[in-house]
Amino acid sequence: MPKADASEKRTNFFQDVYEVVKLIPPGRVTSYGAIASYLGAKGSARMVGWALIASHTYQGVPIPAHRVVNRNGLLTGKQHFESFNAMQQHLEREGITIKDDQVQDFEKLFWDPAQELL
């Protein structure tokens, strides 16, 4: 069997990211790093971010990228949404409180795929 080239590996990784992100329940958040670690790519949090920038929809299903924040609960990806405040607005519609671009009660709302997807 031929080895996958770099673009194919990236595409498969992006698809894996999308499958995990689709499982994050409304009203919960996770981090780029938690997804990367779950996918066996610890240290690839930025690549998870790149996947989410490219996501919009996957196989016709919207990807709830707004539920993915940095390890401190900061909305570091907000500039990649349709408007500057869209990420915050999506989270607030799900009952999540945001103050100064940070998820409040982050530890309580954190969804860890390594624990939740056993």
Protein backbone atom coordinates (compact mmCIF):
# COMPACT_ATOMS: atom_id res chain seq x y z
CA MET A 1 0.00 0.00 0.00
CA PRO A 2 1.49 3.40 -0.93
CA LYS A 3 2.18 5.92 1.82
CA ALA A 4 -0.15 8.90 2.10
CA ASP A 5 1.40 12.17 1.01
CA ALA A 6 1.47 15.20 3.33
CA SER A 7 -1.70 16.79 1.90
CA GLU A 8 -3.64 13.54 2.29
CA LYS A 9 -2.47 13.16 5.90
CA ARG A 10 -3.53 16.76 6.58
CA THR A 11 -6.94 16.19 4.98
CA ASN A 12 -7.51 13.05 7.05
CA PHE A 13 -6.44 14.89 10.21
CA PHE A 14 -8.82 17.75 9.39
CA GLN A 15 -11.65 15.26 8.89
CA ASP A 16 -10.82 13.63 12.24
CA VAL A 17 -10.90 17.07 13.90
CA TYR A 18 -14.33 17.76 12.38
CA GLU A 19 -15.71 14.45 13.63
CA VAL A 20 -14.60 15.26 17.20
CA VAL A 21 -15.83 18.86 17.10
CA LYS A 22 -19.28 17.73 15.91
CA LEU A 23 -19.56 15.75 19.16
CA ILE A 24 -19.02 18.70 21.52
CA PRO A 25 -22.39 19.26 23.20
CA PRO A 26 -24.04 22.68 23.07
CA GLY A 27 -23.12 24.69 26.15
CA ARG A 28 -19.70 23.01 26.48
CA VAL A 29 -16.24 23.92 25.18
CA THR A 30 -12.97 22.17 24.57
CA SER A 31 -9.48 23.26 23.56
CA TYR A 32 -7.39 22.88 20.44
CA GLY A 33 -4.84 20.94 22.46
CA ALA A 34 -7.39 18.53 23.94
CA ILE A 35 -8.56 17.62 20.43
CA ALA A 36 -5.00 17.21 19.18
CA SER A 37 -4.10 15.01 22.15
CA TYR A 38 -7.23 12.88 21.69
CA LEU A 39 -6.29 12.34 18.04
CA GLY A 40 -2.80 11.18 19.02
CA ALA A 41 -1.16 14.38 17.82
CA LYS A 42 -0.20 16.01 21.12
CA GLY A 43 1.54 19.28 20.34
CA SER A 44 -0.54 19.88 17.20
CA ALA A 45 -3.03 22.36 18.65
CA ARG A 46 -2.24 24.85 15.88
CA MET A 47 -3.06 22.28 13.24
CA VAL A 48 -6.45 21.78 14.91
CA GLY A 49 -6.91 25.54 14.62
CA TRP A 50 -6.02 25.45 10.93
CA ALA A 51 -8.56 22.67 10.42
CA LEU A 52 -11.25 24.76 12.09
CA ILE A 53 -10.42 27.83 10.01
CA ALA A 54 -11.05 25.67 6.94
CA SER A 55 -14.14 23.95 8.35
CA HIS A 56 -17.33 26.01 7.77
CA THR A 57 -19.17 22.76 6.93
CA TYR A 58 -18.03 19.20 6.51
CA GLN A 59 -20.03 16.83 4.32
CA GLY A 60 -22.93 19.29 4.50
CA VAL A 61 -22.89 19.44 8.31
CA PRO A 62 -21.97 22.70 10.04
CA ILE A 63 -18.94 22.37 12.31
CA PRO A 64 -19.47 24.07 15.71
CA ALA A 65 -15.95 25.54 15.72
CA HIS A 66 -17.11 28.23 18.17
CA ARG A 67 -16.96 25.57 20.91
CA VAL A 68 -13.17 25.26 20.58
CA VAL A 69 -11.07 27.76 22.53
CA ASN A 70 -7.50 27.92 23.76
CA ARG A 71 -6.27 26.07 26.85
CA ASN A 72 -7.15 29.04 29.06
CA GLY A 73 -10.66 29.46 27.70
CA LEU A 74 -9.80 32.45 25.52
CA LEU A 75 -11.60 33.03 22.22
CA THR A 76 -8.37 33.12 20.23
CA GLY A 77 -10.04 32.06 16.97
CA LYS A 78 -12.73 34.73 16.94
CA GLN A 79 -11.21 36.66 14.03
CA HIS A 80 -11.93 33.69 11.74
CA PHE A 81 -15.71 33.89 12.12
CA GLU A 82 -18.20 35.77 9.95
CA SER A 83 -17.98 38.82 12.23
CA PHE A 84 -15.68 39.86 15.05
CA ASN A 85 -18.23 39.02 17.78
CA ALA A 86 -19.81 35.96 16.13
CA MET A 87 -17.88 33.37 18.16
CA GLN A 88 -18.92 35.03 21.43
CA GLN A 89 -22.52 35.37 20.24
CA HIS A 90 -22.72 31.67 19.30
CA LEU A 91 -21.40 30.66 22.74
CA GLU A 92 -23.70 33.05 24.59
CA ARG A 93 -26.72 31.64 22.70
CA GLU A 94 -25.73 28.28 24.21
CA GLY A 95 -25.72 29.76 27.72
CA ILE A 96 -21.96 30.29 28.06
CA THR A 97 -20.87 33.52 29.73
CA ILE A 98 -17.97 35.34 28.08
CA LYS A 99 -16.09 38.18 29.77
CA ASP A 100 -13.14 39.94 28.13
CA ASP A 101 -12.98 37.23 25.42
CA GLN A 102 -12.74 34.45 28.03
CA VAL A 103 -15.16 31.63 28.86
CA GLN A 104 -16.32 31.99 32.44
CA ASP A 105 -16.44 28.76 34.49
CA PHE A 106 -14.12 27.23 31.89
CA GLU A 107 -13.15 24.26 34.06
CA LYS A 108 -16.82 23.43 34.70
CA LEU A 109 -17.77 23.71 31.01
CA PHE A 110 -14.67 21.97 29.65
CA TRP A 111 -15.44 18.91 27.53
CA ASP A 112 -12.44 16.58 27.30
CA PRO A 113 -12.77 14.17 24.37
CA ALA A 114 -10.31 11.78 26.05
CA GLN A 115 -12.77 11.44 28.96
CA GLU A 116 -16.06 11.83 27.12
CA LEU A 117 -15.38 9.60 24.13
CA LEU A 118 -14.21 6.46 25.90
